[in-house]
């Protein structure tokens, strides 16, 4: 009973000591053993190795792959990561030809979408919208309505130029496309825009000085030529941006805006009859229509020249 009352550490020491004494053949009595157990702290304890686990401790599980019975999981390569990367590349190869083909498909869609946007935002409101629904007299409301129509066209023109820029880029994705406008072209283009901007302002100031009679009120002048001057300023800014960014649409930008400008001025002729504009103002608007038709023809001549120059450069290369 005294033996069972001892703590677990003493039981372990007794068992180890009995095994050790039996191996030496010196097991004689329990009294010396009791004295030896009382000083068990001085005995070097031997480790006990056991292969059997207690009932409350689960045995370690073993993993055996069922899908790979032949052991061919890693036969392809000594490195598992190398084999996985090779398989991924073989499954989904991405080539430059496929990217170029996708880019061509997007371009073909833009060829139809870009002109459609330009037609819907620019020509359709001007040609089919009744003038009476926009013009209510020489007042601020009519001015804002006309400016709103021109802003809608400007949004469509910007979208068209962005699509044209994407279509005009190089087919090779590795090369960057940079198209510089000639200096003479920039100079003459700016001269044409400045002349078209200053002439109506000069005529209006001369009429207010009393040299042209009868005088035209400011609100009537704003309704007739205010949207024209605003869109001309936007065109000049857009052209300078295309020159700075070296975009291939520098040759198309003035043609888009000048074609709509002719419609603007023809609308101004109709509005001049509504507001009772003087004769000198009507003649001025007709003169500006003629001026921009001349400038548009020169722009088309430049397109023909540029096409011939590009064909000659290809033959030389």
C-alpha atoms as a PDB file:
ATOM      1  CA  UNK A   1       0.000   0.000   0.000  1.00  0.00           C
ATOM      2  CA  UNK A   2       2.880   2.294   0.752  1.00  0.00           C
ATOM      3  CA  UNK A   3       4.186   1.543  -2.697  1.00  0.00           C
ATOM      4  CA  UNK A   4       0.885   2.593  -4.337  1.00  0.00           C
ATOM      5  CA  UNK A   5       0.799   5.843  -2.363  1.00  0.00           C
ATOM      6  CA  UNK A   6       3.990   7.106  -3.878  1.00  0.00           C
ATOM      7  CA  UNK A   7       3.896   9.732  -6.647  1.00  0.00           C
ATOM      8  CA  UNK A   8       4.306   8.726 -10.272  1.00  0.00           C
ATOM      9  CA  UNK A   9       7.930   9.906 -10.386  1.00  0.00           C
ATOM     10  CA  UNK A  10       8.874   7.487  -7.621  1.00  0.00           C
ATOM     11  CA  UNK A  11       7.112   4.613  -9.407  1.00  0.00           C
ATOM     12  CA  UNK A  12       9.100   5.250 -12.528  1.00  0.00           C
ATOM     13  CA  UNK A  13      12.336   5.391 -10.527  1.00  0.00           C
ATOM     14  CA  UNK A  14      11.559   2.093  -8.823  1.00  0.00           C
ATOM     15  CA  UNK A  15      10.815   0.331 -12.066  1.00  0.00           C
ATOM     16  CA  UNK A  16      13.952   1.602 -13.737  1.00  0.00           C
ATOM     17  CA  UNK A  17      16.019   0.743 -10.690  1.00  0.00           C
ATOM     18  CA  UNK A  18      14.671  -2.817 -10.520  1.00  0.00           C
ATOM     19  CA  UNK A  19      15.453  -3.448 -14.141  1.00  0.00           C
ATOM     20  CA  UNK A  20      18.930  -2.041 -13.689  1.00  0.00           C
ATOM     21  CA  UNK A  21      19.673  -4.084 -10.553  1.00  0.00           C
ATOM     22  CA  UNK A  22      18.434  -7.321 -12.121  1.00  0.00           C
ATOM     23  CA  UNK A  23      20.747  -6.850 -15.026  1.00  0.00           C
ATOM     24  CA  UNK A  24      23.673  -6.508 -12.639  1.00  0.00           C
ATOM     25  CA  UNK A  25      22.584  -9.492 -10.532  1.00  0.00           C
ATOM     26  CA  UNK A  26      22.574  -7.550  -7.262  1.00  0.00           C
ATOM     27  CA  UNK A  27      18.933  -7.740  -6.233  1.00  0.00           C
ATOM     28  CA  UNK A  28      18.961  -8.784  -2.521  1.00  0.00           C
ATOM     29  CA  UNK A  29      16.597  -6.949  -0.229  1.00  0.00           C
ATOM     30  CA  UNK A  30      14.049  -4.193  -0.143  1.00  0.00           C
ATOM     31  CA  UNK A  31      15.525  -2.238   2.794  1.00  0.00           C
ATOM     32  CA  UNK A  32      18.616  -1.031   1.038  1.00  0.00           C
ATOM     33  CA  UNK A  33      16.334  -0.341  -1.872  1.00  0.00           C
ATOM     34  CA  UNK A  34      14.153   1.908   0.247  1.00  0.00           C
ATOM     35  CA  UNK A  35      17.147   3.889   1.321  1.00  0.00           C
ATOM     36  CA  UNK A  36      18.262   4.123  -2.246  1.00  0.00           C
ATOM     37  CA  UNK A  37      14.856   5.351  -3.388  1.00  0.00           C
ATOM     38  CA  UNK A  38      14.763   8.093  -0.772  1.00  0.00           C
ATOM     39  CA  UNK A  39      17.766   9.633  -2.420  1.00  0.00           C
ATOM     40  CA  UNK A  40      16.486   9.202  -5.968  1.00  0.00           C
ATOM     41  CA  UNK A  41      17.540  12.693  -6.921  1.00  0.00           C
ATOM     42  CA  UNK A  42      21.131  11.551  -7.134  1.00  0.00           C
ATOM     43  CA  UNK A  43      20.350   8.731  -9.556  1.00  0.00           C
ATOM     44  CA  UNK A  44      20.780   9.360 -13.255  1.00  0.00           C
ATOM     45  CA  UNK A  45      17.379   8.641 -14.760  1.00  0.00           C
ATOM     46  CA  UNK A  46      17.373   6.586 -17.908  1.00  0.00           C
ATOM     47  CA  UNK A  47      14.987   7.439 -20.734  1.00  0.00           C
ATOM     48  CA  UNK A  48      12.115   5.063 -21.360  1.00  0.00           C
ATOM     49  CA  UNK A  49      11.249   4.381 -24.968  1.00  0.00           C
ATOM     50  CA  UNK A  50       7.858   2.967 -25.732  1.00  0.00           C
ATOM     51  CA  UNK A  51       6.324   2.127 -29.079  1.00  0.00           C
ATOM     52  CA  UNK A  52       2.774   1.751 -27.758  1.00  0.00           C
ATOM     53  CA  UNK A  53       0.623   4.864 -27.443  1.00  0.00           C
ATOM     54  CA  UNK A  54      -1.975   5.322 -24.690  1.00  0.00           C
ATOM     55  CA  UNK A  55      -5.616   4.754 -25.477  1.00  0.00           C
ATOM     56  CA  UNK A  56      -6.426   8.478 -25.363  1.00  0.00           C
ATOM     57  CA  UNK A  57      -3.695   9.495 -27.851  1.00  0.00           C
ATOM     58  CA  UNK A  58      -4.525   8.857 -31.536  1.00  0.00           C
ATOM     59  CA  UNK A  59      -1.996   7.116 -33.680  1.00  0.00           C
ATOM     60  CA  UNK A  60      -0.324   9.218 -36.413  1.00  0.00           C
ATOM     61  CA  UNK A  61      -2.029   8.811 -39.776  1.00  0.00           C
ATOM     62  CA  UNK A  62      -0.187   7.793 -42.885  1.00  0.00           C
ATOM     63  CA  UNK A  63      -0.888   9.275 -46.331  1.00  0.00           C
ATOM     64  CA  UNK A  64      -0.873   7.145 -49.406  1.00  0.00           C
ATOM     65  CA  UNK A  65      -1.929   8.816 -52.682  1.00  0.00           C
ATOM     66  CA  UNK A  66      -4.704   6.979 -54.447  1.00  0.00           C
ATOM     67  CA  UNK A  67      -4.572   8.844 -57.735  1.00  0.00           C
ATOM     68  CA  UNK A  68      -0.905   8.183 -58.315  1.00  0.00           C
ATOM     69  CA  UNK A  69      -0.605   4.378 -57.927  1.00  0.00           C
ATOM     70  CA  UNK A  70       2.307   4.088 -60.317  1.00  0.00           C
ATOM     71  CA  UNK A  71       4.331   6.811 -58.626  1.00  0.00           C
ATOM     72  CA  UNK A  72       4.470   8.988 -61.710  1.00  0.00           C
ATOM     73  CA  UNK A  73       3.538  12.284 -60.043  1.00  0.00           C
ATOM     74  CA  UNK A  74       6.990  13.788 -60.153  1.00  0.00           C
ATOM     75  CA  UNK A  75       8.586  11.685 -62.862  1.00  0.00           C
ATOM     76  CA  UNK A  76       8.455  14.512 -65.378  1.00  0.00           C
ATOM     77  CA  UNK A  77      10.875  16.776 -63.501  1.00  0.00           C
ATOM     78  CA  UNK A  78      12.965  16.838 -60.342  1.00  0.00           C
ATOM     79  CA  UNK A  79      11.472  20.200 -59.371  1.00  0.00           C
ATOM     80  CA  UNK A  80       7.717  20.319 -58.750  1.00  0.00           C
ATOM     81  CA  UNK A  81       7.495  24.067 -59.305  1.00  0.00           C
ATOM     82  CA  UNK A  82       9.317  23.802 -62.601  1.00  0.00           C
ATOM     83  CA  UNK A  83       6.925  21.158 -63.857  1.00  0.00           C
ATOM     84  CA  UNK A  84       3.866  23.147 -62.768  1.00  0.00           C
ATOM     85  CA  UNK A  85       5.062  26.283 -64.531  1.00  0.00           C
ATOM     86  CA  UNK A  86       5.750  24.325 -67.691  1.00  0.00           C
ATOM     87  CA  UNK A  87       2.235  22.869 -67.626  1.00  0.00           C
ATOM     88  CA  UNK A  88       0.638  26.294 -67.129  1.00  0.00           C
ATOM     89  CA  UNK A  89       2.546  27.714 -70.080  1.00  0.00           C
ATOM     90  CA  UNK A  90       1.579  24.782 -72.256  1.00  0.00           C
ATOM     91  CA  UNK A  91      -2.105  25.124 -71.351  1.00  0.00           C
ATOM     92  CA  UNK A  92      -2.550  28.884 -72.019  1.00  0.00           C
ATOM     93  CA  UNK A  93       0.050  30.239 -74.436  1.00  0.00           C
ATOM     94  CA  UNK A  94      -0.261  33.967 -75.202  1.00  0.00           C
ATOM     95  CA  UNK A  95       1.397  35.086 -78.411  1.00  0.00           C
ATOM     96  CA  UNK A  96       1.842  38.464 -80.053  1.00  0.00           C
ATOM     97  CA  UNK A  97      -0.149  37.337 -83.082  1.00  0.00           C
ATOM     98  CA  UNK A  98      -3.240  36.720 -80.954  1.00  0.00           C
ATOM     99  CA  UNK A  99      -2.962  40.137 -79.313  1.00  0.00           C
ATOM    100  CA  UNK A 100      -2.550  41.750 -82.728  1.00  0.00           C
ATOM    101  CA  UNK A 101      -5.634  39.914 -84.024  1.00  0.00           C
ATOM    102  CA  UNK A 102      -7.726  41.106 -81.069  1.00  0.00           C
ATOM    103  CA  UNK A 103      -6.486  44.651 -81.651  1.00  0.00           C
ATOM    104  CA  UNK A 104      -7.525  44.457 -85.316  1.00  0.00           C
ATOM    105  CA  UNK A 105     -11.022  43.316 -84.355  1.00  0.00           C
ATOM    106  CA  UNK A 106     -11.413  46.298 -82.042  1.00  0.00           C
ATOM    107  CA  UNK A 107     -10.212  48.606 -84.820  1.00  0.00           C
ATOM    108  CA  UNK A 108     -12.772  47.253 -87.268  1.00  0.00           C
ATOM    109  CA  UNK A 109     -15.522  48.018 -84.757  1.00  0.00           C
ATOM    110  CA  UNK A 110     -14.217  51.561 -84.318  1.00  0.00           C
ATOM    111  CA  UNK A 111     -14.340  52.146 -88.074  1.00  0.00           C
ATOM    112  CA  UNK A 112     -18.124  51.960 -87.868  1.00  0.00           C
ATOM    113  CA  UNK A 113     -18.692  53.258 -84.348  1.00  0.00           C
ATOM    114  CA  UNK A 114     -16.663  56.478 -84.684  1.00  0.00           C
ATOM    115  CA  UNK A 115     -18.505  57.979 -87.696  1.00  0.00           C
ATOM    116  CA  UNK A 116     -21.827  56.857 -86.210  1.00  0.00           C
ATOM    117  CA  UNK A 117     -21.124  58.813 -83.015  1.00  0.00           C
ATOM    118  CA  UNK A 118     -20.121  61.863 -85.054  1.00  0.00           C
ATOM    119  CA  UNK A 119     -23.311  61.652 -87.122  1.00  0.00           C
ATOM    120  CA  UNK A 120     -25.585  61.195 -84.097  1.00  0.00           C
ATOM    121  CA  UNK A 121     -24.103  64.071 -82.065  1.00  0.00           C
ATOM    122  CA  UNK A 122     -23.358  66.597 -84.807  1.00  0.00           C
ATOM    123  CA  UNK A 123     -25.383  66.269 -87.947  1.00  0.00           C
ATOM    124  CA  UNK A 124     -28.652  64.778 -86.685  1.00  0.00           C
ATOM    125  CA  UNK A 125     -29.546  67.595 -84.195  1.00  0.00           C
ATOM    126  CA  UNK A 126     -28.588  70.310 -86.663  1.00  0.00           C
ATOM    127  CA  UNK A 127     -30.326  68.880 -89.715  1.00  0.00           C
ATOM    128  CA  UNK A 128     -33.469  67.305 -88.251  1.00  0.00           C
ATOM    129  CA  UNK A 129     -34.155  69.280 -85.076  1.00  0.00           C
ATOM    130  CA  UNK A 130     -36.654  72.095 -85.735  1.00  0.00           C
ATOM    131  CA  UNK A 131     -35.134  75.517 -85.246  1.00  0.00           C
ATOM    132  CA  UNK A 132     -38.223  76.725 -83.401  1.00  0.00           C
ATOM    133  CA  UNK A 133     -37.583  74.207 -80.603  1.00  0.00           C
ATOM    134  CA  UNK A 134     -34.143  75.711 -79.952  1.00  0.00           C
ATOM    135  CA  UNK A 135     -34.514  79.394 -80.853  1.00  0.00           C
ATOM    136  CA  UNK A 136     -37.062  81.356 -78.805  1.00  0.00           C
ATOM    137  CA  UNK A 137     -35.856  84.848 -79.638  1.00  0.00           C
ATOM    138  CA  UNK A 138     -32.787  86.978 -79.041  1.00  0.00           C
ATOM    139  CA  UNK A 139     -32.366  86.088 -75.354  1.00  0.00           C
ATOM    140  CA  UNK A 140     -30.164  84.128 -72.987  1.00  0.00           C
ATOM    141  CA  UNK A 141     -32.287  80.963 -73.223  1.00  0.00           C
ATOM    142  CA  UNK A 142     -31.775  80.719 -76.964  1.00  0.00           C
ATOM    143  CA  UNK A 143     -28.048  81.346 -76.552  1.00  0.00           C
ATOM    144  CA  UNK A 144     -27.730  78.549 -73.998  1.00  0.00           C
ATOM    145  CA  UNK A 145     -29.743  76.177 -76.192  1.00  0.00           C
ATOM    146  CA  UNK A 146     -27.474  76.787 -79.175  1.00  0.00           C
ATOM    147  CA  UNK A 147     -24.353  76.399 -77.035  1.00  0.00           C
ATOM    148  CA  UNK A 148     -25.763  73.115 -75.718  1.00  0.00           C
ATOM    149  CA  UNK A 149     -26.152  71.779 -79.263  1.00  0.00           C
ATOM    150  CA  UNK A 150     -22.549  72.672 -80.040  1.00  0.00           C
ATOM    151  CA  UNK A 151     -21.358  71.056 -76.798  1.00  0.00           C
ATOM    152  CA  UNK A 152     -23.095  67.821 -77.804  1.00  0.00           C
ATOM    153  CA  UNK A 153     -21.254  67.945 -81.125  1.00  0.00           C
ATOM    154  CA  UNK A 154     -17.965  68.622 -79.346  1.00  0.00           C
ATOM    155  CA  UNK A 155     -18.440  65.508 -77.187  1.00  0.00           C
ATOM    156  CA  UNK A 156     -19.074  63.419 -80.292  1.00  0.00           C
ATOM    157  CA  UNK A 157     -16.079  64.953 -82.088  1.00  0.00           C
ATOM    158  CA  UNK A 158     -13.818  64.185 -79.126  1.00  0.00           C
ATOM    159  CA  UNK A 159     -14.954  60.552 -79.058  1.00  0.00           C
ATOM    160  CA  UNK A 160     -14.461  60.304 -82.818  1.00  0.00           C
ATOM    161  CA  UNK A 161     -10.923  61.704 -82.600  1.00  0.00           C
ATOM    162  CA  UNK A 162     -10.030  59.282 -79.811  1.00  0.00           C
ATOM    163  CA  UNK A 163     -11.234  56.334 -81.886  1.00  0.00           C
ATOM    164  CA  UNK A 164      -9.430  57.648 -84.962  1.00  0.00           C
ATOM    165  CA  UNK A 165      -6.266  57.980 -82.902  1.00  0.00           C
ATOM    166  CA  UNK A 166      -6.563  54.346 -81.791  1.00  0.00           C
ATOM    167  CA  UNK A 167      -7.106  53.198 -85.386  1.00  0.00           C
ATOM    168  CA  UNK A 168      -4.189  55.280 -86.647  1.00  0.00           C
ATOM    169  CA  UNK A 169      -1.671  53.741 -84.278  1.00  0.00           C
ATOM    170  CA  UNK A 170       0.848  51.171 -85.458  1.00  0.00           C
ATOM    171  CA  UNK A 171      -0.271  47.556 -85.793  1.00  0.00           C
ATOM    172  CA  UNK A 172       2.823  46.425 -83.895  1.00  0.00           C
ATOM    173  CA  UNK A 173       2.213  46.783 -80.169  1.00  0.00           C
ATOM    174  CA  UNK A 174       5.947  46.993 -79.469  1.00  0.00           C
ATOM    175  CA  UNK A 175       6.441  50.217 -81.469  1.00  0.00           C
ATOM    176  CA  UNK A 176       5.155  53.604 -80.457  1.00  0.00           C
ATOM    177  CA  UNK A 177       3.490  55.792 -83.061  1.00  0.00           C
ATOM    178  CA  UNK A 178       4.485  59.466 -83.237  1.00  0.00           C
ATOM    179  CA  UNK A 179       3.255  61.704 -86.074  1.00  0.00           C
ATOM    180  CA  UNK A 180       4.536  65.248 -86.178  1.00  0.00           C
ATOM    181  CA  UNK A 181       2.698  67.925 -88.121  1.00  0.00           C
ATOM    182  CA  UNK A 182       4.888  70.099 -90.368  1.00  0.00           C
ATOM    183  CA  UNK A 183       5.686  73.571 -89.097  1.00  0.00           C
ATOM    184  CA  UNK A 184       4.262  75.264 -92.186  1.00  0.00           C
ATOM    185  CA  UNK A 185       1.004  73.356 -91.720  1.00  0.00           C
ATOM    186  CA  UNK A 186       0.748  74.526 -88.111  1.00  0.00           C
ATOM    187  CA  UNK A 187       1.462  78.112 -89.095  1.00  0.00           C
ATOM    188  CA  UNK A 188      -1.132  78.352 -91.858  1.00  0.00           C
ATOM    189  CA  UNK A 189      -3.723  76.525 -89.793  1.00  0.00           C
ATOM    190  CA  UNK A 190      -3.353  78.961 -86.923  1.00  0.00           C
ATOM    191  CA  UNK A 191      -3.495  81.923 -89.308  1.00  0.00           C
ATOM    192  CA  UNK A 192      -6.785  80.651 -90.775  1.00  0.00           C
ATOM    193  CA  UNK A 193      -8.293  80.161 -87.303  1.00  0.00           C
ATOM    194  CA  UNK A 194      -7.175  83.583 -86.051  1.00  0.00           C
ATOM    195  CA  UNK A 195      -8.596  85.307 -89.128  1.00  0.00           C
ATOM    196  CA  UNK A 196     -11.898  83.493 -88.678  1.00  0.00           C
ATOM    197  CA  UNK A 197     -11.932  84.575 -85.015  1.00  0.00           C
ATOM    198  CA  UNK A 198     -10.980  88.234 -85.418  1.00  0.00           C
ATOM    199  CA  UNK A 199     -13.126  89.197 -88.430  1.00  0.00           C
ATOM    200  CA  UNK A 200     -16.572  88.950 -86.747  1.00  0.00           C
ATOM    201  CA  UNK A 201     -15.289  90.641 -83.579  1.00  0.00           C
ATOM    202  CA  UNK A 202     -13.832  93.483 -85.641  1.00  0.00           C
ATOM    203  CA  UNK A 203     -17.109  93.951 -87.509  1.00  0.00           C
ATOM    204  CA  UNK A 204     -19.037  94.087 -84.249  1.00  0.00           C
ATOM    205  CA  UNK A 205     -16.666  96.687 -82.729  1.00  0.00           C
ATOM    206  CA  UNK A 206     -16.810  98.811 -85.879  1.00  0.00           C
ATOM    207  CA  UNK A 207     -20.602  98.814 -85.722  1.00  0.00           C
ATOM    208  CA  UNK A 208     -20.525  99.984 -82.109  1.00  0.00           C
ATOM    209  CA  UNK A 209     -18.173 102.812 -83.062  1.00  0.00           C
ATOM    210  CA  UNK A 210     -20.856 104.048 -85.446  1.00  0.00           C
ATOM    211  CA  UNK A 211     -19.103 103.275 -88.716  1.00  0.00           C
ATOM    212  CA  UNK A 212     -21.685 100.619 -89.638  1.00  0.00           C
ATOM    213  CA  UNK A 213     -25.368 101.339 -89.408  1.00  0.00           C
ATOM    214  CA  UNK A 214     -27.668 100.146 -87.997  1.00  0.00           C
ATOM    215  CA  UNK A 215     -26.010  98.862 -84.871  1.00  0.00           C
ATOM    216  CA  UNK A 216     -26.454  95.249 -83.800  1.00  0.00           C
ATOM    217  CA  UNK A 217     -27.337  94.614 -80.124  1.00  0.00           C
ATOM    218  CA  UNK A 218     -24.916  92.517 -78.142  1.00  0.00           C
ATOM    219  CA  UNK A 219     -27.427  89.749 -77.344  1.00  0.00           C
ATOM    220  CA  UNK A 220     -28.288  89.382 -81.030  1.00  0.00           C
ATOM    221  CA  UNK A 221     -24.596  89.162 -81.925  1.00  0.00           C
ATOM    222  CA  UNK A 222     -24.084  86.560 -79.175  1.00  0.00           C
ATOM    223  CA  UNK A 223     -26.957  84.435 -80.467  1.00  0.00           C
ATOM    224  CA  UNK A 224     -25.716  84.614 -84.063  1.00  0.00           C
ATOM    225  CA  UNK A 225     -21.966  84.166 -83.602  1.00  0.00           C
ATOM    226  CA  UNK A 226     -21.370  83.316 -79.927  1.00  0.00           C
ATOM    227  CA  UNK A 227     -21.466  79.495 -80.385  1.00  0.00           C
ATOM    228  CA  UNK A 228     -19.291  79.893 -83.498  1.00  0.00           C
ATOM    229  CA  UNK A 229     -16.558  81.724 -81.592  1.00  0.00           C
ATOM    230  CA  UNK A 230     -16.710  79.268 -78.697  1.00  0.00           C
ATOM    231  CA  UNK A 231     -16.340  76.187 -80.906  1.00  0.00           C
ATOM    232  CA  UNK A 232     -13.540  77.831 -82.890  1.00  0.00           C
ATOM    233  CA  UNK A 233     -11.605  78.340 -79.648  1.00  0.00           C
ATOM    234  CA  UNK A 234     -12.118  74.671 -78.744  1.00  0.00           C
ATOM    235  CA  UNK A 235     -10.852  73.644 -82.183  1.00  0.00           C
ATOM    236  CA  UNK A 236      -7.654  75.667 -81.771  1.00  0.00           C
ATOM    237  CA  UNK A 237      -7.037  74.084 -78.376  1.00  0.00           C
ATOM    238  CA  UNK A 238      -7.678  70.570 -79.737  1.00  0.00           C
ATOM    239  CA  UNK A 239      -5.290  71.105 -82.638  1.00  0.00           C
ATOM    240  CA  UNK A 240      -2.512  72.276 -80.330  1.00  0.00           C
ATOM    241  CA  UNK A 241      -3.023  69.200 -78.137  1.00  0.00           C
ATOM    242  CA  UNK A 242      -2.786  66.839 -81.126  1.00  0.00           C
ATOM    243  CA  UNK A 243       0.430  68.562 -82.204  1.00  0.00           C
ATOM    244  CA  UNK A 244       1.875  68.315 -78.722  1.00  0.00           C
ATOM    245  CA  UNK A 245       0.960  64.624 -78.301  1.00  0.00           C
ATOM    246  CA  UNK A 246       2.089  63.817 -81.859  1.00  0.00           C
ATOM    247  CA  UNK A 247      -1.208  62.111 -82.575  1.00  0.00           C
ATOM    248  CA  UNK A 248      -1.949  60.800 -86.086  1.00  0.00           C
ATOM    249  CA  UNK A 249      -5.284  62.693 -86.101  1.00  0.00           C
ATOM    250  CA  UNK A 250      -3.680  66.115 -86.540  1.00  0.00           C
ATOM    251  CA  UNK A 251      -4.733  66.042 -90.217  1.00  0.00           C
ATOM    252  CA  UNK A 252      -8.346  65.037 -89.468  1.00  0.00           C
ATOM    253  CA  UNK A 253      -9.105  67.413 -86.577  1.00  0.00           C
ATOM    254  CA  UNK A 254      -9.638  70.649 -88.583  1.00  0.00           C
ATOM    255  CA  UNK A 255     -11.749  68.833 -91.197  1.00  0.00           C
ATOM    256  CA  UNK A 256     -14.174  67.570 -88.524  1.00  0.00           C
ATOM    257  CA  UNK A 257     -14.631  70.990 -86.925  1.00  0.00           C
ATOM    258  CA  UNK A 258     -14.685  73.004 -90.164  1.00  0.00           C
ATOM    259  CA  UNK A 259     -17.386  70.840 -91.720  1.00  0.00           C
ATOM    260  CA  UNK A 260     -19.610  71.482 -88.712  1.00  0.00           C
ATOM    261  CA  UNK A 261     -18.674  75.178 -88.728  1.00  0.00           C
ATOM    262  CA  UNK A 262     -20.248  75.580 -92.143  1.00  0.00           C
ATOM    263  CA  UNK A 263     -23.477  74.180 -90.715  1.00  0.00           C
ATOM    264  CA  UNK A 264     -23.143  76.600 -87.788  1.00  0.00           C
ATOM    265  CA  UNK A 265     -22.883  79.610 -90.067  1.00  0.00           C
ATOM    266  CA  UNK A 266     -25.758  78.432 -92.262  1.00  0.00           C
ATOM    267  CA  UNK A 267     -27.812  78.205 -89.077  1.00  0.00           C
ATOM    268  CA  UNK A 268     -26.687  81.754 -88.289  1.00  0.00           C
ATOM    269  CA  UNK A 269     -28.095  82.948 -91.608  1.00  0.00           C
ATOM    270  CA  UNK A 270     -31.498  81.551 -90.657  1.00  0.00           C
ATOM    271  CA  UNK A 271     -31.320  83.097 -87.205  1.00  0.00           C
ATOM    272  CA  UNK A 272     -30.305  86.453 -88.705  1.00  0.00           C
ATOM    273  CA  UNK A 273     -33.597  86.621 -90.523  1.00  0.00           C
ATOM    274  CA  UNK A 274     -35.416  85.809 -87.269  1.00  0.00           C
ATOM    275  CA  UNK A 275     -33.728  88.512 -85.160  1.00  0.00           C
ATOM    276  CA  UNK A 276     -33.776  91.152 -87.910  1.00  0.00           C
ATOM    277  CA  UNK A 277     -30.008  91.439 -88.315  1.00  0.00           C
ATOM    278  CA  UNK A 278     -28.739  94.294 -90.503  1.00  0.00           C
ATOM    279  CA  UNK A 279     -27.516  93.675 -94.033  1.00  0.00           C
ATOM    280  CA  UNK A 280     -23.855  94.146 -93.211  1.00  0.00           C
ATOM    281  CA  UNK A 281     -24.108  91.340 -90.635  1.00  0.00           C
ATOM    282  CA  UNK A 282     -25.722  88.964 -93.094  1.00  0.00           C
ATOM    283  CA  UNK A 283     -23.031  89.716 -95.654  1.00  0.00           C
ATOM    284  CA  UNK A 284     -20.376  89.104 -93.018  1.00  0.00           C
ATOM    285  CA  UNK A 285     -21.811  85.669 -92.225  1.00  0.00           C
ATOM    286  CA  UNK A 286     -21.928  84.784 -95.935  1.00  0.00           C
ATOM    287  CA  UNK A 287     -18.309  85.888 -96.267  1.00  0.00           C
ATOM    288  CA  UNK A 288     -17.287  83.653 -93.355  1.00  0.00           C
ATOM    289  CA  UNK A 289     -19.127  80.702 -94.925  1.00  0.00           C
ATOM    290  CA  UNK A 290     -17.140  81.233 -98.104  1.00  0.00           C
ATOM    291  CA  UNK A 291     -13.909  81.556 -96.114  1.00  0.00           C
ATOM    292  CA  UNK A 292     -14.358  78.268 -94.289  1.00  0.00           C
ATOM    293  CA  UNK A 293     -15.398  76.433 -97.451  1.00  0.00           C
ATOM    294  CA  UNK A 294     -12.087  77.611 -98.955  1.00  0.00           C
ATOM    295  CA  UNK A 295     -10.147  76.488 -95.867  1.00  0.00           C
ATOM    296  CA  UNK A 296     -11.914  73.103 -95.878  1.00  0.00           C
ATOM    297  CA  UNK A 297     -10.957  72.606 -99.534  1.00  0.00           C
ATOM    298  CA  UNK A 298      -7.319  73.362 -98.679  1.00  0.00           C
ATOM    299  CA  UNK A 299      -7.456  70.823 -95.856  1.00  0.00           C
ATOM    300  CA  UNK A 300      -8.726  68.166 -98.262  1.00  0.00           C
ATOM    301  CA  UNK A 301      -5.890  69.047-100.657  1.00  0.00           C
ATOM    302  CA  UNK A 302      -3.468  68.484 -97.796  1.00  0.00           C
ATOM    303  CA  UNK A 303      -5.001  65.047 -97.187  1.00  0.00           C
ATOM    304  CA  UNK A 304      -4.411  64.144-100.833  1.00  0.00           C
ATOM    305  CA  UNK A 305      -0.836  65.442-100.648  1.00  0.00           C
ATOM    306  CA  UNK A 306      -0.189  63.489 -97.457  1.00  0.00           C
ATOM    307  CA  UNK A 307      -1.528  60.273 -99.002  1.00  0.00           C
ATOM    308  CA  UNK A 308       0.803  60.676-101.997  1.00  0.00           C
ATOM    309  CA  UNK A 309       3.754  61.508 -99.773  1.00  0.00           C
ATOM    310  CA  UNK A 310       3.150  58.407 -97.645  1.00  0.00           C
ATOM    311  CA  UNK A 311       2.913  56.154-100.732  1.00  0.00           C
ATOM    312  CA  UNK A 312       6.185  57.571-102.087  1.00  0.00           C
ATOM    313  CA  UNK A 313       7.929  57.040 -98.747  1.00  0.00           C
ATOM    314  CA  UNK A 314       6.793  53.389 -98.691  1.00  0.00           C
ATOM    315  CA  UNK A 315       8.138  52.779-102.175  1.00  0.00           C
ATOM    316  CA  UNK A 316      11.505  54.233-101.234  1.00  0.00           C
ATOM    317  CA  UNK A 317      11.720  52.120 -98.091  1.00  0.00           C
END
